[in-house]
Protein backbone atom coordinates (compact mmCIF):
# COMPACT_ATOMS: atom_id res chain seq x y z
CA UNK A 1 94.73 35.51 -235.21
CA UNK A 2 97.62 33.61 -236.80
CA UNK A 3 98.73 32.19 -233.38
CA UNK A 4 95.16 31.00 -232.71
CA UNK A 5 94.89 29.55 -236.00
CA UNK A 6 98.22 27.51 -235.51
CA UNK A 7 96.89 26.09 -232.30
CA UNK A 8 93.64 24.57 -233.89
CA UNK A 9 93.66 20.91 -234.37
CA UNK A 10 92.74 19.53 -237.71
CA UNK A 11 89.23 18.13 -237.74
CA UNK A 12 89.73 16.62 -241.10
CA UNK A 13 91.95 16.70 -243.93
CA UNK A 14 90.15 19.35 -246.14
CA UNK A 15 90.93 22.62 -244.37
CA UNK A 16 88.39 22.78 -241.52
CA UNK A 17 89.93 23.36 -238.15
CA UNK A 18 88.16 22.67 -234.77
CA UNK A 19 89.44 24.24 -231.48
CA UNK A 20 88.36 22.04 -228.72
CA UNK A 21 89.65 24.39 -226.17
CA UNK A 22 87.52 27.31 -227.59
CA UNK A 23 85.00 27.22 -224.62
CA UNK A 24 87.87 27.40 -222.07
CA UNK A 25 89.76 30.16 -223.88
CA UNK A 26 86.72 32.51 -224.02
CA UNK A 27 86.99 35.23 -221.60
CA UNK A 28 84.72 35.67 -218.70
CA UNK A 29 84.43 39.57 -218.33
CA UNK A 30 81.04 39.40 -220.15
CA UNK A 31 79.04 36.32 -218.94
CA UNK A 32 76.18 35.78 -221.31
CA UNK A 33 73.34 33.40 -220.02
CA UNK A 34 72.20 32.80 -223.59
CA UNK A 35 70.02 34.54 -226.35
CA UNK A 36 67.12 36.53 -224.82
CA UNK A 37 65.49 37.17 -228.31
CA UNK A 38 66.05 37.86 -231.76
CA UNK A 39 64.22 40.98 -233.11
CA UNK A 40 63.35 41.26 -236.90
CA UNK A 41 62.45 44.51 -238.54
CA UNK A 42 59.96 43.88 -241.28
CA UNK A 43 57.46 45.58 -243.46
CA UNK A 44 54.45 44.23 -241.90
CA UNK A 45 54.64 42.85 -238.39
CA UNK A 46 51.03 41.58 -238.17
CA UNK A 47 51.40 39.39 -241.20
CA UNK A 48 54.82 38.07 -240.07
CA UNK A 49 53.26 37.21 -236.74
CA UNK A 50 50.56 35.34 -238.59
CA UNK A 51 53.11 33.42 -240.78
CA UNK A 52 55.28 32.34 -237.83
CA UNK A 53 52.12 31.29 -235.80
CA UNK A 54 50.48 29.43 -238.61
CA UNK A 55 53.26 27.82 -240.44
CA UNK A 56 56.08 27.51 -237.61
CA UNK A 57 54.14 27.11 -234.59
CA UNK A 58 55.15 30.11 -232.63
CA UNK A 59 52.71 31.35 -229.99
CA UNK A 60 52.14 35.21 -229.93
CA UNK A 61 52.52 36.32 -226.23
CA UNK A 62 52.91 40.23 -226.35
CA UNK A 63 52.18 43.07 -228.59
CA UNK A 64 53.15 46.76 -228.64
CA UNK A 65 51.75 49.45 -230.90
CA UNK A 66 49.01 52.09 -231.11
CA UNK A 67 46.82 50.20 -228.55
CA UNK A 68 49.66 50.30 -225.81
CA UNK A 69 50.53 54.03 -226.65
CA UNK A 70 53.40 53.40 -228.88
CA UNK A 71 53.05 55.71 -232.02
CA UNK A 72 56.01 54.81 -234.27
CA UNK A 73 55.90 50.91 -234.49
CA UNK A 74 54.11 47.77 -234.06
CA UNK A 75 55.72 44.68 -232.37
CA UNK A 76 54.55 41.12 -231.99
CA UNK A 77 56.47 38.81 -229.48
CA UNK A 78 56.47 35.07 -230.65
CA UNK A 79 57.69 32.07 -228.60
CA UNK A 80 58.33 28.43 -228.93
CA UNK A 81 59.92 26.57 -226.27
CA UNK A 82 63.21 28.65 -225.53
CA UNK A 83 63.03 30.64 -228.88
CA UNK A 84 61.71 34.16 -228.63
CA UNK A 85 61.31 36.27 -231.92
CA UNK A 86 60.19 39.79 -231.94
CA UNK A 87 58.72 41.20 -235.38
CA UNK A 88 58.57 44.92 -235.43
CA UNK A 89 57.19 47.22 -238.32
CA UNK A 90 57.18 50.91 -238.72
CA UNK A 91 53.95 52.79 -238.46
CA UNK A 92 55.18 55.93 -240.29
CA UNK A 93 57.45 56.42 -243.58
CA UNK A 94 60.18 58.19 -241.58
CA UNK A 95 62.54 56.93 -238.83
CA UNK A 96 65.15 54.33 -238.29
CA UNK A 97 62.84 51.37 -238.75
CA UNK A 98 61.33 52.54 -241.92
CA UNK A 99 64.84 53.26 -243.32
CA UNK A 100 66.11 49.87 -242.44
CA UNK A 101 63.11 48.04 -244.07
CA UNK A 102 63.32 50.34 -247.17
CA UNK A 103 66.98 49.56 -247.63
CA UNK A 104 67.21 45.95 -246.62
CA UNK A 105 63.81 44.49 -246.79
CA UNK A 106 62.90 42.14 -243.97
CA UNK A 107 65.79 41.30 -241.62
CA UNK A 108 67.57 40.80 -238.35
CA UNK A 109 67.88 44.00 -236.25
CA UNK A 110 68.94 42.69 -232.90
CA UNK A 111 70.41 39.53 -231.41
CA UNK A 112 69.77 40.27 -227.68
CA UNK A 113 71.56 38.51 -224.79
CA UNK A 114 70.31 37.74 -221.41
CA UNK A 115 72.74 39.06 -218.73
CA UNK A 116 72.82 39.63 -215.07
CA UNK A 117 73.97 43.30 -215.31
CA UNK A 118 73.06 45.23 -218.58
CA UNK A 119 75.18 48.33 -217.34
CA UNK A 120 78.34 46.17 -216.71
CA UNK A 121 78.08 44.40 -220.09
CA UNK A 122 77.78 47.78 -221.94
CA UNK A 123 80.66 49.25 -219.87
CA UNK A 124 83.04 46.18 -220.48
CA UNK A 125 82.31 46.23 -224.21
CA UNK A 126 82.31 49.87 -224.99
CA UNK A 127 85.68 50.11 -223.11
CA UNK A 128 87.02 47.47 -225.33
CA UNK A 129 86.00 49.39 -228.55
CA UNK A 130 82.39 48.64 -229.12
CA UNK A 131 80.21 51.52 -230.52
CA UNK A 132 77.34 52.15 -228.35
CA UNK A 133 73.72 51.86 -229.61
CA UNK A 134 71.98 52.20 -226.18
CA UNK A 135 73.52 53.39 -222.98
CA UNK A 136 72.34 51.66 -219.88
CA UNK A 137 68.81 52.35 -219.36
CA UNK A 138 66.08 51.37 -216.77
CA UNK A 139 62.53 50.80 -217.91
CA UNK A 140 60.29 50.94 -214.70
CA UNK A 141 56.79 49.45 -214.89
CA UNK A 142 54.11 47.90 -212.70
CA UNK A 143 55.81 44.56 -213.30
CA UNK A 144 59.32 45.80 -212.11
CA UNK A 145 62.40 47.02 -213.80
CA UNK A 146 63.81 45.97 -216.95
CA UNK A 147 67.44 46.97 -217.65
CA UNK A 148 68.80 47.11 -221.11
CA UNK A 149 71.88 48.48 -223.02
CA UNK A 150 73.16 47.64 -226.64
CA UNK A 151 76.05 47.93 -228.84
CA UNK A 152 76.60 47.75 -232.69
CA UNK A 153 78.19 44.79 -234.42
CA UNK A 154 78.42 44.01 -238.14
CA UNK A 155 76.34 46.10 -240.71
CA UNK A 156 73.29 47.48 -238.86
CA UNK A 157 72.82 44.62 -236.53
CA UNK A 158 73.02 45.28 -232.80
CA UNK A 159 73.56 43.26 -229.65
CA UNK A 160 71.29 44.20 -226.72
CA UNK A 161 71.90 43.23 -223.11
CA UNK A 162 68.91 42.51 -221.24
CA UNK A 163 68.71 42.22 -217.48
CA UNK A 164 65.14 40.59 -216.31
CA UNK A 165 66.33 39.75 -212.80
CA UNK A 166 63.95 42.61 -211.25
CA UNK A 167 61.09 42.23 -214.09
CA UNK A 168 58.07 39.77 -214.13
CA UNK A 169 56.17 41.31 -217.11
CA UNK A 170 55.40 39.39 -220.32
CA UNK A 171 58.29 40.73 -222.23
CA UNK A 172 59.03 44.60 -221.71
CA UNK A 173 57.53 47.62 -220.50
CA UNK A 174 55.09 49.03 -223.32
CA UNK A 175 53.90 45.52 -224.31
CA UNK A 176 50.65 43.83 -223.23
CA UNK A 177 49.74 40.11 -223.13
CA UNK A 178 48.01 39.05 -226.24
CA UNK A 179 44.50 37.52 -225.93
CA UNK A 180 42.03 35.82 -228.02
CA UNK A 181 44.62 34.60 -230.52
CA UNK A 182 44.15 31.68 -232.96
CA UNK A 183 46.12 28.58 -231.67
CA UNK A 184 49.63 28.07 -233.09
CA UNK A 185 50.44 25.24 -235.64
CA UNK A 186 51.32 22.01 -233.72
CA UNK A 187 53.73 19.14 -234.61
CA UNK A 188 57.00 21.11 -234.50
CA UNK A 189 59.55 20.59 -231.82
CA UNK A 190 61.87 23.63 -232.21
CA UNK A 191 63.68 24.04 -228.89
CA UNK A 192 66.36 26.90 -228.97
CA UNK A 193 68.67 29.07 -231.28
CA UNK A 194 71.72 26.83 -232.03
CA UNK A 195 73.70 29.72 -233.87
CA UNK A 196 73.24 32.84 -235.89
CA UNK A 197 75.31 33.28 -239.02
CA UNK A 198 76.76 36.67 -240.07
CA UNK A 199 77.61 37.57 -243.63
CA UNK A 200 80.23 40.49 -243.96
CA UNK A 201 82.09 41.79 -246.99
CA UNK A 202 85.30 40.57 -248.63
CA UNK A 203 88.11 41.21 -246.17
CA UNK A 204 85.92 41.97 -243.06
CA UNK A 205 85.66 38.34 -241.71
CA UNK A 206 88.92 38.66 -239.45
CA UNK A 207 87.93 42.13 -238.42
CA UNK A 208 84.80 40.88 -236.87
CA UNK A 209 86.45 37.64 -235.60
CA UNK A 210 88.64 40.07 -233.69
CA UNK A 211 85.70 42.15 -232.55
CA UNK A 212 83.97 39.16 -230.95
CA UNK A 213 87.23 38.00 -229.48
CA UNK A 214 88.42 41.37 -228.17
CA UNK A 215 85.06 43.11 -227.38
CA UNK A 216 82.98 40.18 -226.27
CA UNK A 217 85.53 37.84 -224.89
CA UNK A 218 84.50 34.90 -227.60
CA UNK A 219 86.94 32.57 -228.82
CA UNK A 220 87.31 30.76 -232.22
CA UNK A 221 85.69 27.37 -232.45
CA UNK A 222 86.12 26.32 -235.94
CA UNK A 223 87.61 27.77 -239.21
CA UNK A 224 86.60 26.68 -242.55
CA UNK A 225 88.49 27.99 -245.47
CA UNK A 226 87.72 28.16 -249.30
CA UNK A 227 89.30 24.72 -249.57
CA UNK A 228 86.28 23.37 -247.75
CA UNK A 229 83.44 25.69 -248.80
CA UNK A 230 83.73 25.78 -252.48
CA UNK A 231 82.15 24.26 -255.65
CA UNK A 232 83.25 24.59 -259.33
CA UNK A 233 81.78 28.16 -259.40
CA UNK A 234 82.03 29.92 -256.17
CA UNK A 235 83.70 29.64 -252.66
CA UNK A 236 83.47 31.50 -249.23
CA UNK A 237 85.42 31.37 -245.98
CA UNK A 238 83.96 31.11 -242.44
CA UNK A 239 84.96 31.21 -238.64
CA UNK A 240 82.84 30.22 -235.77
CA UNK A 241 83.11 32.28 -232.67
CA UNK A 242 81.57 30.90 -229.27
CA UNK A 243 81.26 32.31 -225.91
CA UNK A 244 82.60 30.41 -222.72
CA UNK A 245 79.42 28.46 -221.83
CA UNK A 246 78.83 27.62 -225.55
CA UNK A 247 75.30 28.97 -225.44
CA UNK A 248 76.01 31.49 -228.20
CA UNK A 249 77.81 30.60 -231.36
CA UNK A 250 78.23 32.91 -234.26
CA UNK A 251 79.58 31.78 -237.75
CA UNK A 252 81.00 34.58 -239.69
CA UNK A 253 81.22 34.27 -243.38
CA UNK A 254 82.94 36.32 -246.08
CA UNK A 255 82.92 35.69 -250.02
CA UNK A 256 85.88 34.15 -251.57
CA UNK A 257 87.17 34.32 -255.12
CA UNK A 258 85.33 32.06 -257.60
CA UNK A 259 84.24 31.82 -261.27
CA UNK A 260 80.86 33.14 -260.40
CA UNK A 261 78.95 34.93 -257.65
CA UNK A 262 78.81 33.05 -254.11
CA UNK A 263 75.68 32.96 -252.04
CA UNK A 264 77.44 35.30 -249.55
CA UNK A 265 77.97 38.02 -252.42
CA UNK A 266 74.33 37.48 -253.53
CA UNK A 267 73.21 38.26 -249.92
CA UNK A 268 75.30 41.44 -249.80
CA UNK A 269 74.13 42.52 -253.04
CA UNK A 270 70.44 42.16 -252.06
CA UNK A 271 70.66 43.17 -248.41
CA UNK A 272 72.92 46.02 -249.38
CA UNK A 273 75.00 45.61 -246.19
CA UNK A 274 76.62 42.99 -243.85
CA UNK A 275 73.76 41.22 -241.88
CA UNK A 276 72.37 37.99 -240.46
CA UNK A 277 72.16 35.42 -243.19
CA UNK A 278 70.43 32.68 -241.24
CA UNK A 279 69.47 31.53 -237.74
CA UNK A 280 69.80 27.87 -236.96
CA UNK A 281 67.09 26.30 -234.66
CA UNK A 282 67.77 23.11 -232.68
CA UNK A 283 65.33 20.29 -232.52
CA UNK A 284 65.32 16.82 -231.11
CA UNK A 285 62.85 15.59 -233.73
CA UNK A 286 64.07 16.82 -237.17
CA UNK A 287 61.96 14.39 -238.99
CA UNK A 288 58.55 15.04 -237.34
CA UNK A 289 59.16 18.81 -237.44
CA UNK A 290 60.24 18.96 -241.14
CA UNK A 291 57.41 16.70 -242.13
CA UNK A 292 55.09 19.08 -240.51
CA UNK A 293 56.69 22.23 -241.79
CA UNK A 294 56.50 20.81 -245.18
CA UNK A 295 52.74 19.96 -244.86
CA UNK A 296 52.10 23.61 -243.77
CA UNK A 297 53.92 25.00 -246.69
CA UNK A 298 57.46 25.96 -245.60
CA UNK A 299 59.80 25.60 -248.59
CA UNK A 300 63.30 23.90 -248.08
CA UNK A 301 66.16 23.44 -250.28
CA UNK A 302 66.43 20.01 -251.93
CA UNK A 303 69.35 17.54 -252.52
CA UNK A 304 69.76 15.33 -255.55
CA UNK A 305 69.48 11.64 -255.42
CA UNK A 306 73.11 11.20 -255.94
CA UNK A 307 73.60 12.85 -252.42
CA UNK A 308 71.78 10.12 -250.68
CA UNK A 309 73.36 7.35 -252.75
CA UNK A 310 76.62 7.46 -250.93
CA UNK A 311 75.40 8.96 -247.63
CA UNK A 312 75.27 5.76 -245.55
CA UNK A 313 78.89 4.98 -246.41
CA UNK A 314 80.00 8.44 -245.44
CA UNK A 315 78.13 8.91 -242.13
CA UNK A 316 76.91 5.43 -241.09
CA UNK A 317 73.88 4.91 -238.99
CA UNK A 318 72.25 8.28 -237.90
CA UNK A 319 69.09 6.70 -236.50
CA UNK A 320 66.96 7.67 -239.56
CA UNK A 321 66.52 5.50 -242.60
CA UNK A 322 68.30 7.03 -245.74
CA UNK A 323 65.11 6.94 -247.68
CA UNK A 324 63.38 8.95 -245.08
CA UNK A 325 66.21 11.57 -245.18
CA UNK A 326 65.85 11.72 -249.03
CA UNK A 327 62.13 12.11 -248.74
CA UNK A 328 62.27 15.15 -246.47
CA UNK A 329 65.56 16.54 -247.91
CA UNK A 330 67.47 16.32 -244.64
CA UNK A 331 71.15 16.14 -244.75
CA UNK A 332 73.46 14.32 -242.34
CA UNK A 333 77.16 14.61 -241.34
CA UNK A 334 79.58 12.85 -238.75
CA UNK A 335 82.70 13.86 -237.19
CA UNK A 336 84.90 12.45 -234.29
CA UNK A 337 82.39 13.72 -231.74
CA UNK A 338 79.17 12.39 -233.25
CA UNK A 339 76.76 13.32 -235.83
CA UNK A 340 74.12 15.79 -236.86
CA UNK A 341 71.07 16.19 -239.11
CA UNK A 342 70.16 19.38 -240.67
CA UNK A 343 68.23 21.17 -243.44
CA UNK A 344 67.88 24.68 -244.77
CA UNK A 345 64.90 26.67 -245.86
CA UNK A 346 64.70 28.81 -248.92
CA UNK A 347 64.70 32.47 -248.18
CA UNK A 348 61.64 33.37 -246.17
CA UNK A 349 61.02 36.79 -247.72
CA UNK A 350 61.04 38.18 -251.29
CA UNK A 351 64.74 39.26 -251.37
CA UNK A 352 67.18 36.26 -251.44
CA UNK A 353 68.44 37.16 -248.05
CA UNK A 354 67.55 35.71 -244.67
CA UNK A 355 66.58 31.93 -244.29
CA UNK A 356 66.51 29.29 -241.45
CA UNK A 357 68.30 26.10 -240.61
CA UNK A 358 66.85 23.31 -238.61
CA UNK A 359 69.35 21.19 -236.81
CA UNK A 360 69.54 18.05 -234.70
CA UNK A 361 72.71 17.28 -232.79
CA UNK A 362 73.96 13.97 -231.51
CA UNK A 363 77.43 14.90 -230.13
CA UNK A 364 78.76 16.84 -233.02
CA UNK A 365 79.61 20.38 -232.39
CA UNK A 366 80.28 21.02 -235.98
CA UNK A 367 78.21 22.71 -238.72
CA UNK A 368 77.93 19.84 -241.36
CA UNK A 369 81.19 20.41 -243.20
CA UNK A 370 80.67 17.12 -245.20
CA UNK A 371 77.58 18.69 -246.60
CA UNK A 372 79.04 21.80 -247.67
CA UNK A 373 79.73 21.04 -251.34
CA UNK A 374 76.23 19.51 -252.06
CA UNK A 375 74.51 22.32 -249.94
CA UNK A 376 76.20 24.99 -251.97
CA UNK A 377 75.56 23.45 -255.27
CA UNK A 378 71.87 23.39 -254.17
CA UNK A 379 71.98 27.02 -253.39
CA UNK A 380 73.71 27.71 -256.73
CA UNK A 381 70.75 26.14 -258.43
CA UNK A 382 68.49 28.45 -256.67
CA UNK A 383 70.65 31.50 -257.51
CA UNK A 384 70.55 30.30 -261.17
CA UNK A 385 66.93 30.42 -261.15
CA UNK A 386 66.98 33.95 -259.64
CA UNK A 387 69.56 35.12 -262.26
CA UNK A 388 71.98 35.72 -259.37
CA UNK A 389 74.79 33.17 -260.03
């Protein structure tokens, strides 16, 4: 990894490094067409589906459970534009799903990739060292054949490879199309998954950077060290991995030494393992989307007035008045490629673990480095309220 880091061009003077050749450097032995879906294992899938329908504007399109002949789990498939979430809960106190929820609470189980050949993806990754979760399997049905395989990554998260080329069903065999559902909330414009962030233990970041590089053919896009991501009390380090077409981006975080407990360590303490910390959803109307989400009751982190007092001098014109950004709690950042607007929710379950980011990009491929200090101070205020700082 030292040679890779040495080749990175400095994106600024504070320790963030952007590798503009990352997409070209990514290997093509594992062509990924994008993220097919993200599956969450939760305590109550029906209530989770209601939350994402009524507050986030996701439409339920498919269901699997007792009524479809499945006896151990209940699953709801929710869609908004190109985002597809699956919420799965156990129906019995035993088994993998129940154990997962008991240990972690609600959390991400599977970040699934859409591929042209699930068997090839499995063979290419397992021969490079991936641990198999599901050997290549064909799932025939009246709607065709869905092909799938899966491997392990950090913690108990898996990556499925899904081939839908010969399948025309609503989601997968064993699911039926939902009917007579209440309409989803409107006013949001959430388009696609921008990136998924993984938290790993101290000393494990480079191990999983190497995993994504060697096993999945990714390349390192950005490196943030603890000179960038720190406050007076805590720090963390992060490296962003990307595949060749840029449709899949995975920042990987680990805690760094600080006077008090970092947000990464708080996550690890309560999730009890490495896992997916947050998922960023891209929008082209962050102001309208956040205004509507706030109206419906979604809670976001807030920024102090002092953050917005100097924002215009730092980022210039970002197409939204500063007072509107402050009203909604939206942050802004600019780099040599453009600017972005972003905001983060509070944790969306009882444990202080998983949350969402909403992001609007205008040229920038970064992740808001100029906001890190203010953001992490806001997170520390939340940690202090929870007694976890």
